[in-house]
Amino acid sequence: MLFEALGKKTEAHEAYNKVLGIEPENALALNNLAYLNADSGQNLDQAMTFAQRAKQKAPDNPDVADTLGYVLLSKKSERRSDPHFPPECFGSSAKLHVPFPSGDGSVEAG
């Protein structure tokens, strides 16, 4: 994470790969490698694999869900059959519900 903060993406990529060499199911390393790959537009299939593995290991982590969504967008795929994104997420009349302290939190898509 330090390498990423310093803009040293190559070093970050290498560090996360080292972590996975020691601990292959490390959700943080999987998630961050998925993001780095998606952000660079390279290895998007590998990014998807990493993001899905991270989601399996940390299903309730919002950062992992965010990365999975980012990878899906990077692949320019709506993935209508993906179980993480139900059909009601798609279409011009879709509503996104974000829990806010006040109000109903609904935001019109489109």
Protein backbone atom coordinates (compact mmCIF):
# COMPACT_ATOMS: atom_id res chain seq x y z
CA MET A 1 0.00 0.00 0.00
CA LEU A 2 2.91 2.33 0.67
CA PHE A 3 4.27 1.80 -2.83
CA GLU A 4 0.87 2.64 -4.28
CA ALA A 5 0.66 5.81 -2.19
CA LEU A 6 4.07 6.83 -3.52
CA GLY A 7 2.99 6.15 -7.10
CA LYS A 8 5.35 3.18 -7.41
CA LYS A 9 2.93 0.79 -9.06
CA THR A 10 5.55 -1.63 -10.36
CA GLU A 11 6.97 -2.05 -6.87
CA ALA A 12 3.47 -2.39 -5.42
CA HIS A 13 2.65 -5.10 -7.95
CA GLU A 14 5.82 -6.99 -7.04
CA ALA A 15 5.15 -6.66 -3.31
CA TYR A 16 1.58 -7.98 -3.59
CA ASN A 17 2.82 -10.90 -5.70
CA LYS A 18 5.36 -11.71 -2.97
CA VAL A 19 2.58 -11.69 -0.38
CA LEU A 20 0.54 -14.08 -2.53
CA GLY A 21 3.59 -16.33 -2.85
CA ILE A 22 3.57 -16.67 0.93
CA GLU A 23 -0.17 -16.43 1.55
CA PRO A 24 -2.08 -17.23 -1.69
CA GLU A 25 -5.49 -16.36 -0.26
CA ASN A 26 -4.61 -12.96 1.24
CA ALA A 27 -7.71 -10.88 0.46
CA LEU A 28 -5.89 -7.54 0.68
CA ALA A 29 -3.16 -8.56 -1.77
CA LEU A 30 -5.71 -10.15 -4.13
CA ASN A 31 -7.89 -7.05 -4.02
CA ASN A 32 -5.05 -4.61 -4.54
CA LEU A 33 -3.54 -6.61 -7.41
CA ALA A 34 -6.97 -6.72 -9.04
CA TYR A 35 -7.22 -2.95 -8.74
CA LEU A 36 -3.70 -2.32 -10.05
CA ASN A 37 -4.33 -4.55 -13.07
CA ALA A 38 -7.69 -2.97 -13.81
CA ASP A 39 -6.32 0.54 -13.33
CA SER A 40 -3.56 -0.13 -15.85
CA GLY A 41 -5.99 -1.78 -18.27
CA GLN A 42 -3.70 -4.80 -18.46
CA ASN A 43 -4.36 -8.40 -17.45
CA LEU A 44 -8.08 -7.76 -16.98
CA ASP A 45 -8.88 -11.47 -16.90
CA GLN A 46 -6.35 -11.92 -14.12
CA ALA A 47 -7.76 -8.83 -12.40
CA MET A 48 -11.20 -10.45 -12.49
CA THR A 49 -9.82 -13.69 -11.03
CA PHE A 50 -8.09 -11.81 -8.23
CA ALA A 51 -11.18 -9.69 -7.50
CA GLN A 52 -13.45 -12.73 -7.38
CA ARG A 53 -11.06 -14.59 -5.08
CA ALA A 54 -10.85 -11.54 -2.81
CA LYS A 55 -14.67 -11.37 -2.75
CA GLN A 56 -14.81 -15.03 -1.70
CA LYS A 57 -12.36 -14.38 1.13
CA ALA A 58 -13.87 -11.06 2.26
CA PRO A 59 -17.52 -11.08 1.11
CA ASP A 60 -18.60 -8.19 3.33
CA ASN A 61 -15.66 -5.87 2.64
CA PRO A 62 -16.88 -2.79 0.73
CA ASP A 63 -13.42 -2.12 -0.71
CA VAL A 64 -13.41 -5.58 -2.26
CA ALA A 65 -16.89 -5.03 -3.70
CA ASP A 66 -15.73 -1.69 -5.08
CA THR A 67 -12.73 -3.29 -6.77
CA LEU A 68 -14.89 -6.03 -8.27
CA GLY A 69 -17.17 -3.37 -9.72
CA TYR A 70 -14.19 -1.42 -11.04
CA VAL A 71 -12.80 -4.51 -12.74
CA LEU A 72 -16.19 -5.22 -14.31
CA LEU A 73 -16.34 -1.66 -15.63
CA SER A 74 -12.77 -1.91 -16.85
CA LYS A 75 -13.72 -4.98 -18.83
CA LYS A 76 -16.60 -2.94 -20.28
CA SER A 77 -18.94 -5.76 -19.42
CA GLU A 78 -22.30 -5.34 -17.75
CA ARG A 79 -22.10 -8.95 -16.64
CA ARG A 80 -25.86 -9.15 -16.25
CA SER A 81 -25.50 -12.73 -15.04
CA ASP A 82 -23.01 -11.88 -12.27
CA PRO A 83 -24.60 -12.75 -8.89
CA HIS A 84 -23.04 -9.67 -7.27
CA PHE A 85 -25.05 -7.40 -9.57
CA PRO A 86 -28.74 -8.41 -9.78
CA PRO A 87 -30.78 -7.52 -12.88
CA GLU A 88 -32.39 -4.53 -11.18
CA CYS A 89 -28.98 -2.82 -11.24
CA PHE A 90 -29.24 -2.43 -15.00
CA GLY A 91 -31.46 -0.39 -17.25
CA SER A 92 -32.43 3.25 -17.46
CA SER A 93 -35.04 2.97 -14.71
CA ALA A 94 -32.70 1.36 -12.19
CA LYS A 95 -32.49 2.82 -8.70
CA LEU A 96 -29.43 2.69 -6.53
CA HIS A 97 -30.14 2.65 -2.82
CA VAL A 98 -27.51 4.19 -0.58
CA PRO A 99 -28.33 4.26 3.13
CA PHE A 100 -28.18 7.85 4.34
CA PRO A 101 -28.84 9.01 7.91
CA SER A 102 -31.87 10.97 6.69
CA GLY A 103 -34.11 10.57 3.67
CA ASP A 104 -34.71 7.40 1.72
CA GLY A 105 -31.32 7.37 -0.03
CA SER A 106 -32.68 6.51 -3.45
CA VAL A 107 -30.87 7.92 -6.44
CA GLU A 108 -32.30 7.67 -9.94
CA ALA A 109 -29.97 6.09 -12.50
CA GLY A 110 -29.91 7.15 -16.04
